[in-house]
Amino acid sequence: GQWTGDVYNPALPNNETFDQSSGLVPSLSAGLAWRLTMPDPRTEASVGIGAFHLNRPTVGFRDDSREALPMRLSVLASSTLRVNQNFDAVVFGEAWQMGAAQETLLGGGARMWLAPGERAIRFTLATRLGDAIIPAVQYEFGDWTVGLSYDWNTSDFETATNGRGGMELAVV
């Protein structure tokens, strides 16, 4: 392998052989979403649930070591509340579990309207419980949102990252 016992050496062969390097495996998923919109469209709430890998597809790179994917269950909720003509309060949360892996994210912030109903900037701060702090800024216009966030590690993984996380750009 490429691990010498002391360091990783990419010049060494990896000694890995696979029966295949790609494949197509169908995965069945289902979900429900509920959205409540008040007469003022800037005040709303939504809740969603989803289940993934309902058919427990098997995956692997070797025919003799294929594993069934565990089902993934997730729930999410978000809400905005109009505070005044220029500002809305924002809260959101998400949790999922897949086998032994799980994650819970909670956050909140404010949306400032540059042109009410047309363009806004959203500032949020979230935490992935026990793992990270995530500040974000998003620009909303029409049906589009462009956002930038940064993920600061606060868990034991901080040892590997020196507390640095990753920048993420999203276009929705």
C-alpha atoms as a PDB file:
ATOM      1  CA  GLY A   1       0.000   0.000   0.000  1.00  0.00           C
ATOM      2  CA  GLN A   2       0.901   3.659  -0.062  1.00  0.00           C
ATOM      3  CA  TRP A   3       1.164   3.880   3.740  1.00  0.00           C
ATOM      4  CA  THR A   4       4.764   3.162   4.800  1.00  0.00           C
ATOM      5  CA  GLY A   5       3.942   2.906   8.485  1.00  0.00           C
ATOM      6  CA  ASP A   6       5.073   6.487   9.024  1.00  0.00           C
ATOM      7  CA  VAL A   7       3.881   8.528   6.041  1.00  0.00           C
ATOM      8  CA  TYR A   8       1.683   8.351   2.942  1.00  0.00           C
ATOM      9  CA  ASN A   9       3.728   7.912  -0.256  1.00  0.00           C
ATOM     10  CA  PRO A  10       1.648   8.426  -3.441  1.00  0.00           C
ATOM     11  CA  ALA A  11       4.576   7.150  -5.573  1.00  0.00           C
ATOM     12  CA  LEU A  12       4.036   3.593  -4.251  1.00  0.00           C
ATOM     13  CA  PRO A  13       1.454   1.334  -5.945  1.00  0.00           C
ATOM     14  CA  ASN A  14      -1.868   1.107  -4.092  1.00  0.00           C
ATOM     15  CA  ASN A  15      -2.140  -2.681  -4.643  1.00  0.00           C
ATOM     16  CA  GLU A  16      -5.909  -2.412  -5.108  1.00  0.00           C
ATOM     17  CA  THR A  17      -7.752  -4.272  -7.833  1.00  0.00           C
ATOM     18  CA  PHE A  18     -11.476  -3.946  -8.449  1.00  0.00           C
ATOM     19  CA  ASP A  19     -13.837  -6.128 -10.451  1.00  0.00           C
ATOM     20  CA  GLN A  20     -15.464  -2.906 -11.640  1.00  0.00           C
ATOM     21  CA  SER A  21     -14.892   0.833 -11.219  1.00  0.00           C
ATOM     22  CA  SER A  22     -18.407   2.056 -11.930  1.00  0.00           C
ATOM     23  CA  GLY A  23     -21.957   0.837 -12.000  1.00  0.00           C
ATOM     24  CA  LEU A  24     -25.605   1.757 -11.943  1.00  0.00           C
ATOM     25  CA  VAL A  25     -27.750   0.790  -8.970  1.00  0.00           C
ATOM     26  CA  PRO A  26     -31.359   2.029  -8.659  1.00  0.00           C
ATOM     27  CA  SER A  27     -32.379   3.393  -5.274  1.00  0.00           C
ATOM     28  CA  LEU A  28     -36.009   3.956  -4.298  1.00  0.00           C
ATOM     29  CA  SER A  29     -36.857   7.024  -2.185  1.00  0.00           C
ATOM     30  CA  ALA A  30     -40.043   8.687  -0.961  1.00  0.00           C
ATOM     31  CA  GLY A  31     -40.927  11.837   0.933  1.00  0.00           C
ATOM     32  CA  LEU A  32     -43.633  14.234   1.976  1.00  0.00           C
ATOM     33  CA  ALA A  33     -43.536  17.997   2.381  1.00  0.00           C
ATOM     34  CA  TRP A  34     -46.028  20.359   3.992  1.00  0.00           C
ATOM     35  CA  ARG A  35     -45.945  24.141   3.611  1.00  0.00           C
ATOM     36  CA  LEU A  36     -48.038  26.725   5.425  1.00  0.00           C
ATOM     37  CA  THR A  37     -48.224  30.174   3.862  1.00  0.00           C
ATOM     38  CA  MET A  38     -49.944  32.983   5.679  1.00  0.00           C
ATOM     39  CA  PRO A  39     -51.802  35.823   3.896  1.00  0.00           C
ATOM     40  CA  ASP A  40     -48.456  37.643   4.059  1.00  0.00           C
ATOM     41  CA  PRO A  41     -46.237  35.393   1.863  1.00  0.00           C
ATOM     42  CA  ARG A  42     -43.144  36.452   3.830  1.00  0.00           C
ATOM     43  CA  THR A  43     -44.461  34.525   6.849  1.00  0.00           C
ATOM     44  CA  GLU A  44     -44.391  30.798   6.173  1.00  0.00           C
ATOM     45  CA  ALA A  45     -43.389  27.428   7.608  1.00  0.00           C
ATOM     46  CA  SER A  46     -42.497  24.106   6.011  1.00  0.00           C
ATOM     47  CA  VAL A  47     -41.781  20.592   7.215  1.00  0.00           C
ATOM     48  CA  GLY A  48     -40.533  17.642   5.184  1.00  0.00           C
ATOM     49  CA  ILE A  49     -39.694  14.003   5.787  1.00  0.00           C
ATOM     50  CA  GLY A  50     -37.900  11.588   3.512  1.00  0.00           C
ATOM     51  CA  ALA A  51     -36.788   7.982   3.369  1.00  0.00           C
ATOM     52  CA  PHE A  52     -33.996   6.921   1.018  1.00  0.00           C
ATOM     53  CA  HIS A  53     -32.707   3.512  -0.152  1.00  0.00           C
ATOM     54  CA  LEU A  54     -36.077   1.889   0.590  1.00  0.00           C
ATOM     55  CA  ASN A  55     -35.105  -1.048  -1.644  1.00  0.00           C
ATOM     56  CA  ARG A  56     -31.733  -1.423   0.189  1.00  0.00           C
ATOM     57  CA  PRO A  57     -29.592  -1.476  -3.002  1.00  0.00           C
ATOM     58  CA  THR A  58     -26.269  -3.302  -2.837  1.00  0.00           C
ATOM     59  CA  VAL A  59     -23.093  -1.466  -3.807  1.00  0.00           C
ATOM     60  CA  GLY A  60     -19.403  -2.307  -3.973  1.00  0.00           C
ATOM     61  CA  PHE A  61     -16.423  -2.427  -6.291  1.00  0.00           C
ATOM     62  CA  ARG A  62     -15.947  -6.198  -5.956  1.00  0.00           C
ATOM     63  CA  ASP A  63     -18.572  -8.833  -6.651  1.00  0.00           C
ATOM     64  CA  ASP A  64     -17.705 -10.683  -3.416  1.00  0.00           C
ATOM     65  CA  SER A  65     -17.925  -7.602  -1.155  1.00  0.00           C
ATOM     66  CA  ARG A  66     -21.202  -5.912  -2.087  1.00  0.00           C
ATOM     67  CA  GLU A  67     -23.064  -4.353   0.844  1.00  0.00           C
ATOM     68  CA  ALA A  68     -26.702  -3.300   1.182  1.00  0.00           C
ATOM     69  CA  LEU A  69     -27.037   0.433   1.791  1.00  0.00           C
ATOM     70  CA  PRO A  70     -28.859   1.175   5.030  1.00  0.00           C
ATOM     71  CA  MET A  71     -32.063   3.179   4.802  1.00  0.00           C
ATOM     72  CA  ARG A  72     -31.591   6.915   5.333  1.00  0.00           C
ATOM     73  CA  LEU A  73     -34.329   8.794   7.185  1.00  0.00           C
ATOM     74  CA  SER A  74     -34.418  12.576   7.271  1.00  0.00           C
ATOM     75  CA  VAL A  75     -36.606  15.394   8.519  1.00  0.00           C
ATOM     76  CA  LEU A  76     -36.306  19.117   7.898  1.00  0.00           C
ATOM     77  CA  ALA A  77     -38.176  22.227   8.973  1.00  0.00           C
ATOM     78  CA  SER A  78     -37.875  25.929   8.237  1.00  0.00           C
ATOM     79  CA  SER A  79     -39.818  29.073   8.914  1.00  0.00           C
ATOM     80  CA  THR A  80     -39.675  32.779   8.174  1.00  0.00           C
ATOM     81  CA  LEU A  81     -41.542  35.470  10.067  1.00  0.00           C
ATOM     82  CA  ARG A  82     -41.988  39.016   8.800  1.00  0.00           C
ATOM     83  CA  VAL A  83     -40.635  41.371  11.481  1.00  0.00           C
ATOM     84  CA  ASN A  84     -41.182  44.648   9.634  1.00  0.00           C
ATOM     85  CA  GLN A  85     -41.127  46.054   6.102  1.00  0.00           C
ATOM     86  CA  ASN A  86     -37.401  45.364   5.640  1.00  0.00           C
ATOM     87  CA  PHE A  87     -36.591  42.349   7.842  1.00  0.00           C
ATOM     88  CA  ASP A  88     -37.701  38.730   8.335  1.00  0.00           C
ATOM     89  CA  ALA A  89     -36.554  36.303  11.049  1.00  0.00           C
ATOM     90  CA  VAL A  90     -35.405  32.901   9.764  1.00  0.00           C
ATOM     91  CA  VAL A  91     -35.102  29.566  11.633  1.00  0.00           C
ATOM     92  CA  PHE A  92     -34.324  26.108  10.242  1.00  0.00           C
ATOM     93  CA  GLY A  93     -33.323  22.619  11.248  1.00  0.00           C
ATOM     94  CA  GLU A  94     -32.505  19.285   9.698  1.00  0.00           C
ATOM     95  CA  ALA A  95     -31.742  15.826  11.056  1.00  0.00           C
ATOM     96  CA  TRP A  96     -30.927  12.551   9.352  1.00  0.00           C
ATOM     97  CA  GLN A  97     -29.771   9.069  10.245  1.00  0.00           C
ATOM     98  CA  MET A  98     -28.289   6.363   8.017  1.00  0.00           C
ATOM     99  CA  GLY A  99     -27.134   3.260   9.831  1.00  0.00           C
ATOM    100  CA  ALA A 100     -24.844   4.404  12.653  1.00  0.00           C
ATOM    101  CA  ALA A 101     -24.226   7.803  11.007  1.00  0.00           C
ATOM    102  CA  GLN A 102     -26.345  10.785  11.971  1.00  0.00           C
ATOM    103  CA  GLU A 103     -26.360  14.573  11.767  1.00  0.00           C
ATOM    104  CA  THR A 104     -28.421  17.374  13.272  1.00  0.00           C
ATOM    105  CA  LEU A 105     -28.214  20.949  11.991  1.00  0.00           C
ATOM    106  CA  LEU A 106     -29.936  23.934  13.644  1.00  0.00           C
ATOM    107  CA  GLY A 107     -29.740  27.576  12.633  1.00  0.00           C
ATOM    108  CA  GLY A 108     -31.303  30.957  12.335  1.00  0.00           C
ATOM    109  CA  GLY A 109     -30.775  34.476  11.148  1.00  0.00           C
ATOM    110  CA  ALA A 110     -32.324  37.381   9.321  1.00  0.00           C
ATOM    111  CA  ARG A 111     -33.368  38.264   5.795  1.00  0.00           C
ATOM    112  CA  MET A 112     -32.993  41.915   4.791  1.00  0.00           C
ATOM    113  CA  TRP A 113     -35.103  43.012   1.822  1.00  0.00           C
ATOM    114  CA  LEU A 114     -33.357  45.249  -0.706  1.00  0.00           C
ATOM    115  CA  ALA A 115     -36.534  45.427  -2.815  1.00  0.00           C
ATOM    116  CA  PRO A 116     -39.452  43.874  -0.877  1.00  0.00           C
ATOM    117  CA  GLY A 117     -40.733  40.754  -2.619  1.00  0.00           C
ATOM    118  CA  GLU A 118     -37.980  40.911  -5.251  1.00  0.00           C
ATOM    119  CA  ARG A 119     -34.421  40.921  -3.840  1.00  0.00           C
ATOM    120  CA  ALA A 120     -33.054  40.113  -0.399  1.00  0.00           C
ATOM    121  CA  ILE A 121     -29.875  39.223   1.482  1.00  0.00           C
ATOM    122  CA  ARG A 122     -30.065  36.468   4.097  1.00  0.00           C
ATOM    123  CA  PHE A 123     -27.531  36.152   6.924  1.00  0.00           C
ATOM    124  CA  THR A 124     -27.594  32.927   8.965  1.00  0.00           C
ATOM    125  CA  LEU A 125     -25.552  31.103  11.577  1.00  0.00           C
ATOM    126  CA  ALA A 126     -25.993  27.353  12.025  1.00  0.00           C
ATOM    127  CA  THR A 127     -24.441  24.570  14.030  1.00  0.00           C
ATOM    128  CA  ARG A 128     -23.989  20.968  13.058  1.00  0.00           C
ATOM    129  CA  LEU A 129     -24.382  19.695  16.625  1.00  0.00           C
ATOM    130  CA  GLY A 130     -21.089  18.552  18.107  1.00  0.00           C
ATOM    131  CA  ASP A 131     -19.167  19.197  14.903  1.00  0.00           C
ATOM    132  CA  ALA A 132     -19.196  22.649  13.284  1.00  0.00           C
ATOM    133  CA  ILE A 133     -20.309  26.291  13.201  1.00  0.00           C
ATOM    134  CA  ILE A 134     -21.551  27.484   9.803  1.00  0.00           C
ATOM    135  CA  PRO A 135     -22.016  31.176   8.958  1.00  0.00           C
ATOM    136  CA  ALA A 136     -23.661  31.883   5.595  1.00  0.00           C
ATOM    137  CA  VAL A 137     -24.801  34.744   3.389  1.00  0.00           C
ATOM    138  CA  GLN A 138     -27.280  34.346   0.524  1.00  0.00           C
ATOM    139  CA  TYR A 139     -28.575  36.662  -2.173  1.00  0.00           C
ATOM    140  CA  GLU A 140     -32.177  35.971  -3.213  1.00  0.00           C
ATOM    141  CA  PHE A 141     -33.655  37.307  -6.454  1.00  0.00           C
ATOM    142  CA  GLY A 142     -36.767  36.062  -8.226  1.00  0.00           C
ATOM    143  CA  ASP A 143     -36.834  32.277  -7.928  1.00  0.00           C
ATOM    144  CA  TRP A 144     -33.022  32.089  -7.512  1.00  0.00           C
ATOM    145  CA  THR A 145     -30.732  32.000  -4.486  1.00  0.00           C
ATOM    146  CA  VAL A 146     -26.920  32.241  -4.564  1.00  0.00           C
ATOM    147  CA  GLY A 147     -25.199  31.530  -1.272  1.00  0.00           C
ATOM    148  CA  LEU A 148     -21.756  31.305   0.293  1.00  0.00           C
ATOM    149  CA  SER A 149     -21.053  29.474   3.555  1.00  0.00           C
ATOM    150  CA  TYR A 150     -18.033  28.386   5.582  1.00  0.00           C
ATOM    151  CA  ASP A 151     -17.828  25.302   7.766  1.00  0.00           C
ATOM    152  CA  TRP A 152     -15.620  25.705  10.899  1.00  0.00           C
ATOM    153  CA  ASN A 153     -14.821  22.414  12.613  1.00  0.00           C
ATOM    154  CA  THR A 154     -15.324  22.361  16.382  1.00  0.00           C
ATOM    155  CA  SER A 155     -15.270  18.563  16.934  1.00  0.00           C
ATOM    156  CA  ASP A 156     -12.301  16.212  17.393  1.00  0.00           C
ATOM    157  CA  PHE A 157     -11.947  16.347  13.591  1.00  0.00           C
ATOM    158  CA  GLU A 158     -10.485  19.810  14.267  1.00  0.00           C
ATOM    159  CA  THR A 159      -7.182  18.009  14.932  1.00  0.00           C
ATOM    160  CA  ALA A 160      -7.038  16.950  11.280  1.00  0.00           C
ATOM    161  CA  THR A 161      -8.210  20.309   9.905  1.00  0.00           C
ATOM    162  CA  ASN A 162      -6.570  22.752  12.346  1.00  0.00           C
ATOM    163  CA  GLY A 163     -10.071  24.153  12.905  1.00  0.00           C
ATOM    164  CA  ARG A 164     -10.422  24.985   9.237  1.00  0.00           C
ATOM    165  CA  GLY A 165     -13.428  23.758   7.373  1.00  0.00           C
ATOM    166  CA  GLY A 166     -14.559  24.371   3.862  1.00  0.00           C
ATOM    167  CA  MET A 167     -16.090  27.111   1.758  1.00  0.00           C
ATOM    168  CA  GLU A 168     -19.281  26.185  -0.109  1.00  0.00           C
ATOM    169  CA  LEU A 169     -20.994  27.978  -2.979  1.00  0.00           C
ATOM    170  CA  ALA A 170     -24.621  27.086  -3.709  1.00  0.00           C
ATOM    171  CA  VAL A 171     -26.914  28.104  -6.549  1.00  0.00           C
ATOM    172  CA  VAL A 172     -30.573  27.138  -6.095  1.00  0.00           C
END
